[in-house]
């Protein structure tokens, strides 16, 4: 019975990443789109924090490869960046779990900021990249949506994983 439950839980985790990828490419009005968080990074942060023995750097790498294909970016840029995100969260998840949601939100925004900086830097090695202040606006969305993502995914994990 345990193996069946693990496969069901793995399917739910993959499904949450698929939904996050769809939400990343979903078109929104320009005013809202400026603050749209990186849903894939948020979901990765949650799952690494919640299940660090199951979800880690390899998962971040694989999800990043799918994101590279989804965005049509140079193969491996998001893979490296999301693997580093997973690594950072694995290093601090003990402390992160103890923080109140608002401190978790700030930490999630910082880690997603590192992700965005890595993506911009790696992309800049291949082609010129122009980054202005609006590139960092989604970090506000990350901080605002983190508590809701946490609560939603925690309920999903408790029910299905």
N, C-alpha and C. Protein backbone atom coordinates (compact mmCIF):
# COMPACT_ATOMS: atom_id res chain seq x y z
N UNK A 1 0.82 -1.20 0.00
CA UNK A 1 0.00 0.00 0.00
C UNK A 1 0.86 1.26 0.00
N UNK A 2 2.03 1.19 0.62
CA UNK A 2 2.89 2.36 0.70
C UNK A 2 3.38 2.78 -0.69
N UNK A 3 3.74 1.82 -1.55
CA UNK A 3 4.24 2.15 -2.89
C UNK A 3 3.16 2.84 -3.71
N UNK A 4 1.92 2.40 -3.56
CA UNK A 4 0.83 3.03 -4.29
C UNK A 4 0.65 4.46 -3.83
N UNK A 5 0.75 4.70 -2.54
CA UNK A 5 0.61 6.04 -2.00
C UNK A 5 1.75 6.94 -2.47
N UNK A 6 2.97 6.40 -2.54
CA UNK A 6 4.11 7.18 -3.02
C UNK A 6 3.93 7.57 -4.48
N UNK A 7 3.43 6.65 -5.31
CA UNK A 7 3.24 6.97 -6.72
C UNK A 7 2.14 8.01 -6.89
N UNK A 8 1.09 7.92 -6.07
CA UNK A 8 0.02 8.91 -6.12
C UNK A 8 0.57 10.28 -5.71
N UNK A 9 1.40 10.29 -4.65
CA UNK A 9 2.00 11.54 -4.20
C UNK A 9 2.93 12.13 -5.24
N UNK A 10 3.70 11.28 -5.92
CA UNK A 10 4.60 11.76 -6.97
C UNK A 10 3.82 12.35 -8.14
N UNK A 11 2.71 11.72 -8.47
CA UNK A 11 1.87 12.24 -9.55
C UNK A 11 1.30 13.62 -9.18
N UNK A 12 0.90 13.79 -7.94
CA UNK A 12 0.37 15.08 -7.49
C UNK A 12 1.46 16.15 -7.54
N UNK A 13 2.67 15.80 -7.14
CA UNK A 13 3.78 16.75 -7.18
C UNK A 13 4.05 17.19 -8.62
N UNK A 14 4.10 16.22 -9.53
CA UNK A 14 4.32 16.54 -10.95
C UNK A 14 3.17 17.40 -11.48
N UNK A 15 1.96 17.10 -11.07
CA UNK A 15 0.80 17.88 -11.50
C UNK A 15 0.89 19.33 -11.00
N UNK A 16 1.36 19.53 -9.78
CA UNK A 16 1.49 20.90 -9.28
C UNK A 16 2.54 21.68 -10.08
N UNK A 17 3.61 21.00 -10.49
CA UNK A 17 4.60 21.67 -11.33
C UNK A 17 4.03 21.99 -12.71
N UNK A 18 3.24 21.08 -13.27
CA UNK A 18 2.62 21.33 -14.58
C UNK A 18 1.68 22.54 -14.51
N UNK A 19 0.90 22.62 -13.45
CA UNK A 19 0.00 23.76 -13.27
C UNK A 19 0.80 25.04 -13.11
N UNK A 20 1.90 24.98 -12.36
CA UNK A 20 2.75 26.16 -12.17
C UNK A 20 3.33 26.63 -13.51
N UNK A 21 3.73 25.68 -14.36
CA UNK A 21 4.27 26.05 -15.68
C UNK A 21 3.19 26.72 -16.53
N UNK A 22 1.98 26.20 -16.46
CA UNK A 22 0.88 26.83 -17.20
C UNK A 22 0.61 28.24 -16.67
N UNK A 23 0.67 28.41 -15.37
CA UNK A 23 0.44 29.73 -14.78
C UNK A 23 1.56 30.70 -15.15
N UNK A 24 2.77 30.20 -15.35
CA UNK A 24 3.88 31.07 -15.75
C UNK A 24 3.67 31.65 -17.14
N UNK A 25 3.07 30.89 -18.04
CA UNK A 25 2.90 31.36 -19.42
C UNK A 25 1.51 31.93 -19.68
N UNK A 26 0.65 31.93 -18.69
CA UNK A 26 -0.70 32.45 -18.85
C UNK A 26 -0.64 33.96 -19.07
N UNK A 27 -1.27 34.46 -20.14
CA UNK A 27 -1.23 35.90 -20.39
C UNK A 27 -2.11 36.65 -19.38
N UNK A 28 -1.62 37.79 -18.95
CA UNK A 28 -2.33 38.65 -18.00
C UNK A 28 -2.26 40.09 -18.49
N UNK A 29 -3.14 40.95 -18.01
CA UNK A 29 -3.01 42.38 -18.35
C UNK A 29 -1.65 42.91 -17.90
N UNK A 30 -1.14 43.89 -18.62
CA UNK A 30 0.23 44.38 -18.40
C UNK A 30 0.47 44.83 -16.96
N UNK A 31 -0.50 45.48 -16.35
CA UNK A 31 -0.32 45.98 -14.99
C UNK A 31 -0.13 44.83 -14.01
N UNK A 32 -0.88 43.75 -14.18
CA UNK A 32 -0.79 42.59 -13.30
C UNK A 32 0.43 41.74 -13.67
N UNK A 33 0.70 41.63 -14.96
CA UNK A 33 1.79 40.77 -15.43
C UNK A 33 3.15 41.24 -14.91
N UNK A 34 3.28 42.54 -14.63
CA UNK A 34 4.55 43.05 -14.10
C UNK A 34 4.92 42.40 -12.78
N UNK A 35 3.91 42.04 -11.99
CA UNK A 35 4.14 41.51 -10.66
C UNK A 35 3.90 40.01 -10.57
N UNK A 36 3.69 39.35 -11.73
CA UNK A 36 3.41 37.91 -11.72
C UNK A 36 4.63 37.15 -11.21
N UNK A 37 4.44 36.37 -10.14
CA UNK A 37 5.58 35.64 -9.59
C UNK A 37 5.98 34.47 -10.48
N UNK A 38 7.17 33.96 -10.25
CA UNK A 38 7.62 32.75 -10.92
C UNK A 38 7.01 31.57 -10.17
N UNK A 39 5.89 31.09 -10.69
CA UNK A 39 5.13 30.04 -10.01
C UNK A 39 5.94 28.75 -9.87
N UNK A 40 6.72 28.43 -10.88
CA UNK A 40 7.51 27.20 -10.83
C UNK A 40 8.52 27.27 -9.68
N UNK A 41 9.18 28.39 -9.54
CA UNK A 41 10.15 28.54 -8.45
C UNK A 41 9.45 28.47 -7.09
N UNK A 42 8.28 29.08 -6.98
CA UNK A 42 7.53 29.03 -5.73
C UNK A 42 7.14 27.60 -5.37
N UNK A 43 6.64 26.87 -6.35
CA UNK A 43 6.24 25.48 -6.10
C UNK A 43 7.46 24.64 -5.75
N UNK A 44 8.57 24.86 -6.43
CA UNK A 44 9.80 24.13 -6.11
C UNK A 44 10.25 24.43 -4.68
N UNK A 45 10.22 25.69 -4.29
CA UNK A 45 10.61 26.05 -2.93
C UNK A 45 9.73 25.33 -1.92
N UNK A 46 8.42 25.32 -2.17
CA UNK A 46 7.53 24.63 -1.23
C UNK A 46 7.87 23.15 -1.12
N UNK A 47 7.96 22.46 -2.26
CA UNK A 47 8.16 21.01 -2.21
C UNK A 47 9.52 20.63 -1.62
N UNK A 48 10.54 21.41 -1.90
CA UNK A 48 11.85 21.12 -1.29
C UNK A 48 11.78 21.34 0.21
N UNK A 49 11.07 22.38 0.62
CA UNK A 49 10.95 22.66 2.04
C UNK A 49 10.10 21.61 2.75
N UNK A 50 9.05 21.13 2.09
CA UNK A 50 8.13 20.18 2.70
C UNK A 50 8.65 18.74 2.66
N UNK A 51 9.27 18.36 1.54
CA UNK A 51 9.74 16.98 1.35
C UNK A 51 11.20 16.97 0.89
N UNK A 52 12.12 17.43 1.72
CA UNK A 52 13.52 17.56 1.27
C UNK A 52 14.18 16.23 0.94
N UNK A 53 13.67 15.13 1.46
CA UNK A 53 14.28 13.84 1.14
C UNK A 53 13.80 13.31 -0.22
N UNK A 54 12.68 13.82 -0.73
CA UNK A 54 12.15 13.38 -2.03
C UNK A 54 12.40 14.38 -3.14
N UNK A 55 12.31 15.65 -2.83
CA UNK A 55 12.42 16.70 -3.84
C UNK A 55 13.68 17.50 -3.53
N UNK A 56 14.59 17.57 -4.51
CA UNK A 56 15.84 18.27 -4.26
C UNK A 56 16.45 18.82 -5.53
N UNK A 57 17.75 18.79 -5.58
CA UNK A 57 18.50 19.40 -6.67
C UNK A 57 18.18 18.73 -8.01
N UNK A 58 18.11 17.41 -8.04
CA UNK A 58 17.79 16.71 -9.28
C UNK A 58 16.41 17.10 -9.80
N UNK A 59 15.45 17.19 -8.90
CA UNK A 59 14.11 17.63 -9.28
C UNK A 59 14.16 19.05 -9.85
N UNK A 60 14.91 19.94 -9.18
CA UNK A 60 15.05 21.31 -9.67
C UNK A 60 15.66 21.35 -11.06
N UNK A 61 16.66 20.50 -11.27
CA UNK A 61 17.31 20.42 -12.58
C UNK A 61 16.33 19.97 -13.65
N UNK A 62 15.59 18.90 -13.37
CA UNK A 62 14.64 18.36 -14.36
C UNK A 62 13.52 19.35 -14.66
N UNK A 63 12.97 19.95 -13.63
CA UNK A 63 11.91 20.96 -13.83
C UNK A 63 12.47 22.13 -14.63
N UNK A 64 13.70 22.52 -14.33
CA UNK A 64 14.34 23.60 -15.08
C UNK A 64 14.50 23.30 -16.55
N UNK A 65 14.80 22.04 -16.89
CA UNK A 65 14.89 21.66 -18.30
C UNK A 65 13.54 21.82 -18.99
N UNK A 66 12.47 21.44 -18.30
CA UNK A 66 11.13 21.63 -18.87
C UNK A 66 10.82 23.12 -19.05
N UNK A 67 11.23 23.94 -18.10
CA UNK A 67 11.01 25.39 -18.21
C UNK A 67 11.81 25.96 -19.37
N UNK A 68 13.03 25.47 -19.57
CA UNK A 68 13.83 25.91 -20.72
C UNK A 68 13.12 25.61 -22.03
N UNK A 69 12.55 24.43 -22.13
CA UNK A 69 11.80 24.06 -23.34
C UNK A 69 10.55 24.93 -23.48
N UNK A 70 9.86 25.15 -22.36
CA UNK A 70 8.63 25.95 -22.36
C UNK A 70 8.88 27.37 -22.85
N UNK A 71 9.96 27.99 -22.36
CA UNK A 71 10.27 29.37 -22.73
C UNK A 71 11.10 29.49 -24.00
N UNK A 72 11.69 28.38 -24.45
CA UNK A 72 12.54 28.42 -25.63
C UNK A 72 13.87 29.09 -25.35
N UNK A 73 14.32 29.04 -24.11
CA UNK A 73 15.61 29.63 -23.77
C UNK A 73 16.71 28.63 -24.03
N UNK A 74 17.93 29.10 -23.89
CA UNK A 74 19.08 28.22 -24.06
C UNK A 74 18.95 27.06 -23.08
N UNK A 75 19.11 25.86 -23.60
CA UNK A 75 18.89 24.65 -22.81
C UNK A 75 19.86 24.59 -21.63
N UNK A 76 19.33 24.58 -20.43
CA UNK A 76 20.12 24.45 -19.23
C UNK A 76 20.16 25.67 -18.34
N UNK A 77 19.74 26.82 -18.85
CA UNK A 77 19.81 28.05 -18.03
C UNK A 77 18.89 27.94 -16.83
N UNK A 78 17.62 27.63 -17.05
CA UNK A 78 16.69 27.49 -15.92
C UNK A 78 17.01 26.23 -15.12
N UNK A 79 17.54 25.22 -15.78
CA UNK A 79 17.89 23.98 -15.08
C UNK A 79 18.95 24.26 -14.02
N UNK A 80 20.00 24.96 -14.39
CA UNK A 80 21.05 25.30 -13.42
C UNK A 80 20.49 26.18 -12.32
N UNK A 81 19.73 27.18 -12.72
CA UNK A 81 19.20 28.13 -11.75
C UNK A 81 18.25 27.48 -10.75
N UNK A 82 17.33 26.65 -11.23
CA UNK A 82 16.39 25.99 -10.32
C UNK A 82 17.07 24.91 -9.48
N UNK A 83 18.12 24.29 -10.01
CA UNK A 83 18.89 23.35 -9.19
C UNK A 83 19.57 24.08 -8.04
N UNK A 84 20.08 25.27 -8.30
CA UNK A 84 20.70 26.07 -7.24
C UNK A 84 19.65 26.53 -6.22
N UNK A 85 18.46 26.89 -6.71
CA UNK A 85 17.36 27.24 -5.80
C UNK A 85 17.05 26.06 -4.88
N UNK A 86 16.93 24.87 -5.44
CA UNK A 86 16.65 23.68 -4.63
C UNK A 86 17.77 23.44 -3.62
N UNK A 87 19.00 23.63 -4.05
CA UNK A 87 20.14 23.44 -3.15
C UNK A 87 20.09 24.42 -1.98
N UNK A 88 19.81 25.69 -2.27
CA UNK A 88 19.73 26.70 -1.22
C UNK A 88 18.63 26.35 -0.22
N UNK A 89 17.48 25.98 -0.72
CA UNK A 89 16.36 25.65 0.17
C UNK A 89 16.68 24.40 0.99
N UNK A 90 17.33 23.41 0.38
CA UNK A 90 17.71 22.23 1.14
C UNK A 90 18.68 22.57 2.27
N UNK A 91 19.50 23.58 2.07
CA UNK A 91 20.45 23.97 3.10
C UNK A 91 19.78 24.69 4.27
N UNK A 92 18.66 25.38 4.03
CA UNK A 92 18.05 26.20 5.08
C UNK A 92 16.64 25.76 5.47
N UNK A 93 16.17 24.62 4.96
CA UNK A 93 14.76 24.27 5.20
C UNK A 93 14.44 24.06 6.68
N UNK A 94 15.39 23.62 7.48
CA UNK A 94 15.13 23.44 8.92
C UNK A 94 14.73 24.76 9.57
N UNK A 95 15.48 25.80 9.24
CA UNK A 95 15.17 27.12 9.81
C UNK A 95 13.94 27.73 9.15
N UNK A 96 13.83 27.55 7.84
CA UNK A 96 12.73 28.15 7.09
C UNK A 96 11.38 27.66 7.58
N UNK A 97 11.30 26.40 7.95
CA UNK A 97 10.04 25.84 8.45
C UNK A 97 9.58 26.51 9.74
N UNK A 98 10.53 26.98 10.54
CA UNK A 98 10.19 27.58 11.82
C UNK A 98 9.77 29.04 11.72
N UNK A 99 10.08 29.67 10.61
CA UNK A 99 9.76 31.09 10.44
C UNK A 99 8.26 31.28 10.28
N UNK A 100 7.75 32.45 10.72
CA UNK A 100 6.37 32.78 10.38
C UNK A 100 6.25 33.00 8.86
N UNK A 101 5.03 32.94 8.34
CA UNK A 101 4.82 33.02 6.89
C UNK A 101 5.45 34.28 6.28
N UNK A 102 5.37 35.41 6.97
CA UNK A 102 5.89 36.63 6.37
C UNK A 102 7.40 36.57 6.21
N UNK A 103 8.10 35.91 7.15
CA UNK A 103 9.55 35.75 6.99
C UNK A 103 9.86 34.72 5.92
N UNK A 104 9.04 33.70 5.82
CA UNK A 104 9.20 32.74 4.73
C UNK A 104 9.03 33.44 3.40
N UNK A 105 8.05 34.36 3.32
CA UNK A 105 7.79 35.08 2.08
C UNK A 105 8.99 35.92 1.67
N UNK A 106 9.62 36.57 2.63
CA UNK A 106 10.82 37.37 2.34
C UNK A 106 11.95 36.47 1.86
N UNK A 107 12.14 35.34 2.53
CA UNK A 107 13.18 34.40 2.11
C UNK A 107 12.89 33.83 0.73
N UNK A 108 11.64 33.51 0.44
CA UNK A 108 11.27 33.01 -0.89
C UNK A 108 11.57 34.07 -1.94
N UNK A 109 11.26 35.33 -1.64
CA UNK A 109 11.54 36.40 -2.60
C UNK A 109 13.04 36.55 -2.84
N UNK A 110 13.83 36.42 -1.79
CA UNK A 110 15.29 36.52 -1.95
C UNK A 110 15.81 35.37 -2.81
N UNK A 111 15.33 34.16 -2.54
CA UNK A 111 15.80 32.99 -3.31
C UNK A 111 15.35 33.10 -4.77
N UNK A 112 14.12 33.55 -5.00
CA UNK A 112 13.67 33.74 -6.39
C UNK A 112 14.46 34.89 -7.04
N UNK A 113 14.85 35.88 -6.25
CA UNK A 113 15.72 36.94 -6.77
C UNK A 113 17.07 36.38 -7.22
N UNK A 114 17.62 35.46 -6.45
CA UNK A 114 18.86 34.79 -6.85
C UNK A 114 18.64 34.01 -8.14
N UNK A 115 17.50 33.33 -8.24
CA UNK A 115 17.14 32.58 -9.46
C UNK A 115 17.10 33.53 -10.66
N UNK A 116 16.42 34.66 -10.51
CA UNK A 116 16.31 35.61 -11.62
C UNK A 116 17.67 36.20 -11.98
N UNK A 117 18.50 36.46 -10.98
CA UNK A 117 19.84 36.99 -11.24
C UNK A 117 20.67 35.97 -12.01
N UNK A 118 20.58 34.70 -11.63
CA UNK A 118 21.32 33.64 -12.33
C UNK A 118 20.84 33.51 -13.77
N UNK A 119 19.52 33.54 -13.98
CA UNK A 119 18.99 33.43 -15.34
C UNK A 119 19.47 34.60 -16.19
N UNK A 120 19.42 35.81 -15.63
CA UNK A 120 19.87 36.98 -16.38
C UNK A 120 21.36 36.91 -16.68
N UNK A 121 22.15 36.48 -15.71
CA UNK A 121 23.60 36.39 -15.90
C UNK A 121 23.95 35.34 -16.94
N UNK A 122 23.34 34.16 -16.83
CA UNK A 122 23.64 33.10 -17.79
C UNK A 122 23.14 33.46 -19.19
N UNK A 123 21.99 34.11 -19.28
CA UNK A 123 21.50 34.55 -20.59
C UNK A 123 22.41 35.62 -21.16
N UNK A 124 22.95 36.48 -20.29
CA UNK A 124 23.86 37.54 -20.74
C UNK A 124 25.17 37.02 -21.28
N UNK A 125 25.54 35.80 -20.92
CA UNK A 125 26.76 35.21 -21.48
C UNK A 125 26.59 34.85 -22.95
N UNK A 126 25.35 34.65 -23.37
CA UNK A 126 25.08 34.21 -24.73
C UNK A 126 24.66 35.36 -25.64
N UNK A 127 23.83 36.25 -25.09
CA UNK A 127 23.33 37.39 -25.87
C UNK A 127 23.16 38.59 -24.95
N UNK A 128 23.16 39.78 -25.50
CA UNK A 128 22.98 40.97 -24.66
C UNK A 128 21.60 40.95 -23.99
N UNK A 129 21.59 41.27 -22.72
CA UNK A 129 20.35 41.29 -21.94
C UNK A 129 20.21 42.66 -21.30
N UNK A 130 19.05 43.26 -21.49
CA UNK A 130 18.77 44.55 -20.86
C UNK A 130 17.86 44.31 -19.66
N UNK A 131 18.35 44.67 -18.49
CA UNK A 131 17.57 44.49 -17.27
C UNK A 131 17.38 45.85 -16.63
N UNK A 132 16.11 46.17 -16.38
CA UNK A 132 15.80 47.40 -15.66
C UNK A 132 15.07 47.04 -14.37
N UNK A 133 14.57 48.02 -13.70
CA UNK A 133 13.93 47.80 -12.40
C UNK A 133 12.70 46.89 -12.51
N UNK A 134 12.01 46.93 -13.63
CA UNK A 134 10.80 46.12 -13.78
C UNK A 134 11.10 44.61 -13.77
N UNK A 135 12.35 44.24 -14.03
CA UNK A 135 12.74 42.83 -13.99
C UNK A 135 12.58 42.25 -12.59
N UNK A 136 12.66 43.11 -11.59
CA UNK A 136 12.61 42.67 -10.19
C UNK A 136 11.21 42.79 -9.58
N UNK A 137 10.25 43.38 -10.29
CA UNK A 137 8.88 43.51 -9.76
C UNK A 137 8.23 42.18 -9.39
N UNK A 138 8.47 41.10 -10.12
CA UNK A 138 7.85 39.82 -9.73
C UNK A 138 8.22 39.35 -8.33
N UNK A 139 9.31 39.86 -7.77
CA UNK A 139 9.67 39.47 -6.41
C UNK A 139 8.63 39.95 -5.41
N UNK A 140 7.98 41.06 -5.72
CA UNK A 140 6.88 41.53 -4.87
C UNK A 140 5.74 40.53 -4.93
N UNK A 141 5.44 40.04 -6.13
CA UNK A 141 4.40 39.02 -6.28
C UNK A 141 4.75 37.74 -5.55
N UNK A 142 6.02 37.37 -5.57
CA UNK A 142 6.47 36.17 -4.84
C UNK A 142 6.18 36.33 -3.35
N UNK A 143 6.55 37.47 -2.81
CA UNK A 143 6.34 37.71 -1.38
C UNK A 143 4.85 37.75 -1.04
N UNK A 144 4.04 38.32 -1.91
CA UNK A 144 2.60 38.42 -1.64
C UNK A 144 1.89 37.07 -1.78
N UNK A 145 2.31 36.27 -2.74
CA UNK A 145 1.61 35.01 -2.99
C UNK A 145 2.15 33.83 -2.18
N UNK A 146 3.35 33.96 -1.61
CA UNK A 146 3.93 32.83 -0.88
C UNK A 146 3.00 32.25 0.18
N UNK A 147 2.38 33.06 1.05
CA UNK A 147 1.52 32.44 2.07
C UNK A 147 0.38 31.62 1.46
N UNK A 148 -0.18 32.08 0.37
CA UNK A 148 -1.29 31.37 -0.26
C UNK A 148 -0.81 30.09 -0.94
N UNK A 149 0.34 30.16 -1.59
CA UNK A 149 0.92 28.97 -2.22
C UNK A 149 1.25 27.94 -1.14
N UNK A 150 1.82 28.39 -0.05
CA UNK A 150 2.18 27.50 1.05
C UNK A 150 0.94 26.79 1.59
N UNK A 151 -0.10 27.55 1.88
CA UNK A 151 -1.32 26.97 2.45
C UNK A 151 -1.97 25.99 1.48
N UNK A 152 -2.06 26.38 0.21
CA UNK A 152 -2.68 25.51 -0.80
C UNK A 152 -1.90 24.21 -0.98
N UNK A 153 -0.59 24.31 -1.15
CA UNK A 153 0.22 23.11 -1.37
C UNK A 153 0.32 22.25 -0.10
N UNK A 154 0.30 22.89 1.05
CA UNK A 154 0.30 22.11 2.30
C UNK A 154 -0.97 21.26 2.40
N UNK A 155 -2.10 21.86 2.05
CA UNK A 155 -3.37 21.10 2.07
C UNK A 155 -3.36 19.98 1.04
N UNK A 156 -2.81 20.25 -0.14
CA UNK A 156 -2.69 19.21 -1.17
C UNK A 156 -1.79 18.08 -0.68
N UNK A 157 -0.66 18.44 -0.08
CA UNK A 157 0.27 17.42 0.43
C UNK A 157 -0.38 16.58 1.52
N UNK A 158 -1.10 17.21 2.42
CA UNK A 158 -1.73 16.47 3.51
C UNK A 158 -2.82 15.52 3.00
N UNK A 159 -3.47 15.92 1.93
CA UNK A 159 -4.55 15.08 1.41
C UNK A 159 -4.04 13.96 0.51
N UNK A 160 -3.05 14.23 -0.33
CA UNK A 160 -2.65 13.28 -1.36
C UNK A 160 -1.28 12.63 -1.18
N UNK A 161 -0.37 13.27 -0.48
CA UNK A 161 0.99 12.73 -0.39
C UNK A 161 1.15 11.94 0.85
